[in-house]
Amino acid sequence: MVADAPSSTPRLSVAAPCFNEAEGIAAVVAEWEAVLNAWPHASEIVLCNDGSTDGTREVLDRVCATVPRLRVVHNATNGGYGRALSCAIAATRGDYVATIDSDGQFDVADAIRLLETLERDGYDAMTGWRMGKKDSALRVAADRGMNLLVRVLFGTRLRDTNCAIKVVRGDVLRGLRIEARGYPTPTEICLRLEARGVRLGELGVTHRERAAGFSKLHPFRTAWSFLRFLVYLRMKLKLSRAGIIVEP
């Protein structure tokens, strides 16, 4: 269910998945609201509450009453990061859509910088790369290794495909099929955009520690899942380029 929305088309939609973030989501939305309120263009925030069990729905219902630009999609059951992000994106109406995590690790002001760079330099999409990733040494090393693997397998020049914060033309992103359900989702978006010939740029963004709560990732299981998905996606894109299958 999506709340009623204003009739004007937003310049920017901020889309994010949200799962068991009751402890910190109100503060994160308040921060985003302050930034967007100071920006001289129409905007909206679209969150997908992906079957949270910790009271996130009730917190978001209260926040919606005080933040008119916030709209929330509620999934009855948890379907994973990728499905939740897809649901949020599908509910957006903006000329451009910014994807971002809802745990406070990214600054929505960076999404505005990405949009400004996109428009100035003639891109269709911009992705962030995390300057000084704030995480454990193990996760930082694993992330660098996985980014190297992505560059080798797909020939991309992007340095941080799995950075969650991106800005893409709304019609392009809403028309993109996202198959990943978890951690590989931001990388899949980048690789599918490049496969379609979308003009995609990259810009450094701030990365912060979580505002509240805890990460839902399990490092070794996540890495194994990521690797399997990369093999699957590489084969699928290769078959598509060969005309053997048709990507929607």
Protein backbone atom coordinates (compact mmCIF):
# COMPACT_ATOMS: atom_id res chain seq x y z
CA MET A 1 0.00 0.00 0.00
CA VAL A 2 1.33 3.44 -0.97
CA ALA A 3 0.07 6.64 0.58
CA ASP A 4 -1.54 9.30 -1.63
CA ALA A 5 1.03 11.57 -3.27
CA PRO A 6 1.10 15.18 -4.44
CA SER A 7 0.26 15.73 -8.12
CA SER A 8 3.47 17.54 -9.13
CA THR A 9 6.31 15.49 -10.61
CA PRO A 10 9.36 15.54 -8.31
CA ARG A 11 12.72 16.46 -9.76
CA LEU A 12 14.31 13.79 -7.56
CA SER A 13 12.94 10.69 -5.86
CA VAL A 14 15.00 9.15 -3.06
CA ALA A 15 14.33 5.39 -2.96
CA ALA A 16 15.51 3.05 -0.20
CA PRO A 17 14.80 -0.41 1.24
CA CYS A 18 14.12 -0.65 4.95
CA PHE A 19 14.19 -3.78 7.13
CA ASN A 20 14.16 -3.73 10.94
CA GLU A 21 15.44 -0.16 11.24
CA ALA A 22 13.03 1.01 13.96
CA GLU A 23 15.86 2.29 16.14
CA GLY A 24 17.26 4.76 13.65
CA ILE A 25 14.93 5.32 10.70
CA ALA A 26 13.17 8.39 12.13
CA ALA A 27 16.50 10.20 12.56
CA VAL A 28 17.65 9.20 9.07
CA VAL A 29 14.44 10.47 7.46
CA ALA A 30 14.71 13.69 9.48
CA GLU A 31 18.24 14.23 8.12
CA TRP A 32 17.12 13.60 4.56
CA GLU A 33 14.13 15.89 5.03
CA ALA A 34 16.37 18.74 6.21
CA VAL A 35 18.64 18.41 3.17
CA LEU A 36 15.79 18.11 0.66
CA ASN A 37 13.84 20.94 2.26
CA ALA A 38 16.80 23.26 1.63
CA TRP A 39 17.10 22.13 -2.00
CA PRO A 40 15.10 24.38 -4.36
CA HIS A 41 13.44 21.59 -6.34
CA ALA A 42 10.51 19.24 -5.75
CA SER A 43 11.48 15.91 -4.26
CA GLU A 44 10.06 12.84 -2.56
CA ILE A 45 11.28 10.02 -0.33
CA VAL A 46 10.00 6.51 -1.06
CA LEU A 47 10.81 3.76 1.43
CA CYS A 48 9.94 0.09 1.14
CA ASN A 49 9.39 -1.48 4.56
CA ASP A 50 10.31 -5.06 3.70
CA GLY A 51 8.35 -7.08 6.24
CA SER A 52 10.04 -5.58 9.31
CA THR A 53 9.24 -7.27 12.64
CA ASP A 54 10.71 -4.72 15.07
CA GLY A 55 8.16 -1.91 14.93
CA THR A 56 9.61 -0.18 11.85
CA ARG A 57 6.14 0.05 10.30
CA GLU A 58 4.73 1.89 13.30
CA VAL A 59 7.68 4.30 13.36
CA LEU A 60 7.26 5.04 9.66
CA ASP A 61 3.52 5.61 10.08
CA ARG A 62 4.29 8.25 12.70
CA VAL A 63 6.98 9.86 10.57
CA CYS A 64 4.67 10.00 7.53
CA ALA A 65 2.29 12.17 9.54
CA THR A 66 4.94 14.88 9.85
CA VAL A 67 6.92 14.49 6.61
CA PRO A 68 4.61 15.02 3.61
CA ARG A 69 7.28 14.14 1.05
CA LEU A 70 7.66 10.64 2.58
CA ARG A 71 5.77 7.77 0.98
CA VAL A 72 6.03 4.18 2.22
CA VAL A 73 5.45 0.85 0.50
CA HIS A 74 4.80 -1.98 2.98
CA ASN A 75 5.70 -5.56 2.02
CA ALA A 76 3.93 -8.15 4.14
CA THR A 77 6.95 -10.47 4.20
CA ASN A 78 10.69 -9.97 3.89
CA GLY A 79 11.91 -10.58 0.35
CA GLY A 80 15.43 -9.21 0.54
CA TYR A 81 17.29 -6.01 -0.25
CA GLY A 82 16.88 -6.24 -4.02
CA ARG A 83 13.15 -6.86 -3.99
CA ALA A 84 12.61 -4.06 -1.47
CA LEU A 85 14.68 -1.61 -3.49
CA SER A 86 12.81 -2.64 -6.66
CA CYS A 87 9.48 -1.97 -4.92
CA ALA A 88 10.65 1.45 -3.77
CA ILE A 89 11.93 2.33 -7.25
CA ALA A 90 8.68 1.20 -8.89
CA ALA A 91 6.71 3.55 -6.62
CA THR A 92 8.81 6.63 -7.48
CA ARG A 93 7.57 9.38 -9.78
CA GLY A 94 10.66 11.57 -10.13
CA ASP A 95 12.54 12.68 -13.22
CA TYR A 96 15.58 11.18 -11.49
CA VAL A 97 15.79 8.47 -8.84
CA ALA A 98 18.47 8.27 -6.16
CA THR A 99 19.01 4.88 -4.53
CA ILE A 100 20.39 4.90 -1.00
CA ASP A 101 20.47 2.73 2.12
CA SER A 102 18.24 3.62 5.06
CA ASP A 103 20.79 3.00 7.83
CA GLY A 104 22.41 6.43 7.75
CA GLN A 105 25.68 5.34 6.14
CA PHE A 106 25.20 7.71 3.20
CA ASP A 107 24.46 11.42 3.01
CA VAL A 108 21.52 12.33 0.78
CA ALA A 109 23.35 15.59 0.00
CA ASP A 110 25.73 13.40 -2.02
CA ALA A 111 22.76 12.29 -4.14
CA ILE A 112 22.18 15.94 -5.04
CA ARG A 113 25.88 16.27 -5.96
CA LEU A 114 25.57 13.18 -8.15
CA LEU A 115 22.52 14.67 -9.86
CA GLU A 116 24.26 18.00 -10.45
CA THR A 117 27.29 16.22 -11.94
CA LEU A 118 25.03 14.06 -14.11
CA GLU A 119 23.28 17.10 -15.56
CA ARG A 120 26.45 19.14 -15.98
CA ASP A 121 28.46 16.41 -17.71
CA GLY A 122 25.69 14.83 -19.79
CA TYR A 123 25.37 11.45 -18.07
CA ASP A 124 22.22 9.34 -17.76
CA ALA A 125 23.34 7.86 -14.43
CA MET A 126 25.91 8.46 -11.71
CA THR A 127 27.17 6.02 -9.09
CA GLY A 128 29.13 6.85 -5.97
CA TRP A 129 32.41 5.37 -4.85
CA ARG A 130 32.99 5.24 -1.11
CA MET A 131 35.84 7.44 0.03
CA GLY A 132 37.20 5.85 3.20
CA LYS A 133 34.72 3.02 3.76
CA LYS A 134 33.70 2.93 7.43
CA ASP A 135 33.60 -0.76 8.24
CA SER A 136 35.68 -3.56 9.73
CA ALA A 137 39.05 -4.33 8.16
CA LEU A 138 37.72 -7.71 7.00
CA ARG A 139 34.74 -6.18 5.23
CA VAL A 140 36.81 -3.42 3.65
CA ALA A 141 39.28 -6.02 2.28
CA ALA A 142 36.44 -8.24 1.05
CA ASP A 143 34.75 -5.31 -0.64
CA ARG A 144 37.95 -4.33 -2.46
CA GLY A 145 38.47 -7.91 -3.57
CA MET A 146 34.94 -8.18 -4.91
CA ASN A 147 35.26 -4.89 -6.78
CA LEU A 148 38.45 -6.15 -8.40
CA LEU A 149 36.65 -9.34 -9.39
CA VAL A 150 33.81 -7.34 -10.95
CA ARG A 151 36.29 -5.31 -13.01
CA VAL A 152 38.01 -8.48 -14.26
CA LEU A 153 34.81 -10.38 -15.08
CA PHE A 154 32.87 -7.54 -16.72
CA GLY A 155 35.57 -5.20 -18.01
CA THR A 156 34.09 -2.21 -16.21
CA ARG A 157 36.25 0.73 -15.17
CA LEU A 158 34.04 1.55 -12.19
CA ARG A 159 35.94 1.33 -8.91
CA ASP A 160 33.02 0.65 -6.53
CA THR A 161 30.02 -0.87 -8.29
CA ASN A 162 28.43 -2.01 -5.02
CA CYS A 163 28.14 1.48 -3.55
CA ALA A 164 24.46 1.87 -2.67
CA ILE A 165 24.09 5.55 -3.57
CA LYS A 166 23.34 6.19 -7.24
CA VAL A 167 21.29 8.63 -9.30
CA VAL A 168 19.66 7.45 -12.54
CA ARG A 169 17.14 8.92 -14.94
CA GLY A 170 13.77 7.80 -13.62
CA ASP A 171 12.51 6.25 -16.85
CA VAL A 172 15.74 4.27 -17.20
CA LEU A 173 15.85 2.91 -13.65
CA ARG A 174 12.13 2.11 -13.46
CA GLY A 175 12.56 0.13 -16.69
CA LEU A 176 15.51 -1.87 -15.37
CA ARG A 177 14.92 -5.43 -14.24
CA ILE A 178 16.67 -6.18 -10.94
CA GLU A 179 17.06 -9.88 -10.19
CA ALA A 180 19.40 -9.88 -7.19
CA ARG A 181 17.70 -10.17 -3.84
CA GLY A 182 20.56 -9.21 -1.58
CA TYR A 183 24.05 -7.73 -1.44
CA PRO A 184 24.85 -7.82 -5.22
CA THR A 185 21.93 -5.49 -6.05
CA PRO A 186 23.90 -2.21 -6.48
CA THR A 187 26.49 -3.99 -8.63
CA GLU A 188 23.77 -5.52 -10.78
CA ILE A 189 22.29 -2.07 -11.39
CA CYS A 190 25.65 -0.71 -12.58
CA LEU A 191 26.39 -3.68 -14.84
CA ARG A 192 22.93 -3.73 -16.40
CA LEU A 193 23.11 0.01 -17.05
CA GLU A 194 26.49 -0.40 -18.76
CA ALA A 195 25.20 -3.37 -20.78
CA ARG A 196 22.41 -1.14 -22.10
CA GLY A 197 24.85 1.53 -23.16
CA VAL A 198 23.69 4.00 -20.54
CA ARG A 199 26.14 6.86 -19.98
CA LEU A 200 27.30 6.11 -16.43
CA GLY A 201 29.70 8.26 -14.41
CA GLU A 202 31.26 7.85 -10.96
CA LEU A 203 31.87 10.34 -8.15
CA GLY A 204 33.37 10.02 -4.67
CA VAL A 205 30.88 10.08 -1.79
CA THR A 206 31.05 10.08 1.99
CA HIS A 207 30.64 6.78 3.82
CA ARG A 208 29.75 6.76 7.51
CA GLU A 209 29.19 4.28 10.29
CA ARG A 210 25.66 3.07 10.83
CA ALA A 211 23.39 5.58 12.57
CA ALA A 212 21.79 2.79 14.63
CA GLY A 213 21.02 -0.92 14.60
CA PHE A 214 23.31 -3.54 13.12
CA SER A 215 24.29 -4.94 9.74
CA LYS A 216 22.30 -7.92 8.44
CA LEU A 217 25.21 -9.19 6.33
CA HIS A 218 27.09 -12.43 7.06
CA PRO A 219 30.54 -11.93 5.45
CA PHE A 220 31.37 -15.41 4.19
CA ARG A 221 27.85 -16.36 3.16
CA THR A 222 27.46 -12.97 1.48
CA ALA A 223 30.75 -13.33 -0.43
CA TRP A 224 29.79 -16.79 -1.72
CA SER A 225 26.34 -15.56 -2.79
CA PHE A 226 27.91 -12.53 -4.48
CA LEU A 227 30.33 -14.71 -6.46
CA ARG A 228 27.58 -17.05 -7.65
CA PHE A 229 25.43 -14.13 -8.75
CA LEU A 230 28.32 -12.57 -10.69
CA VAL A 231 28.84 -15.82 -12.62
CA TYR A 232 25.12 -15.99 -13.37
CA LEU A 233 24.91 -12.34 -14.48
CA ARG A 234 28.03 -12.57 -16.65
CA MET A 235 26.61 -15.57 -18.49
CA LYS A 236 23.21 -13.94 -18.89
CA LEU A 237 24.61 -10.70 -20.30
CA LYS A 238 26.89 -12.67 -22.62
CA LEU A 239 23.93 -14.67 -23.96
CA SER A 240 21.95 -11.47 -24.39
CA ARG A 241 24.75 -9.83 -26.42
CA ALA A 242 24.90 -12.95 -28.59
CA GLY A 243 21.18 -12.68 -29.30
CA ILE A 244 20.47 -16.07 -27.72
CA ILE A 245 18.17 -14.61 -25.06
CA VAL A 246 16.28 -11.33 -24.86
CA GLU A 247 16.69 -9.26 -21.72
CA PRO A 248 13.49 -7.38 -20.73
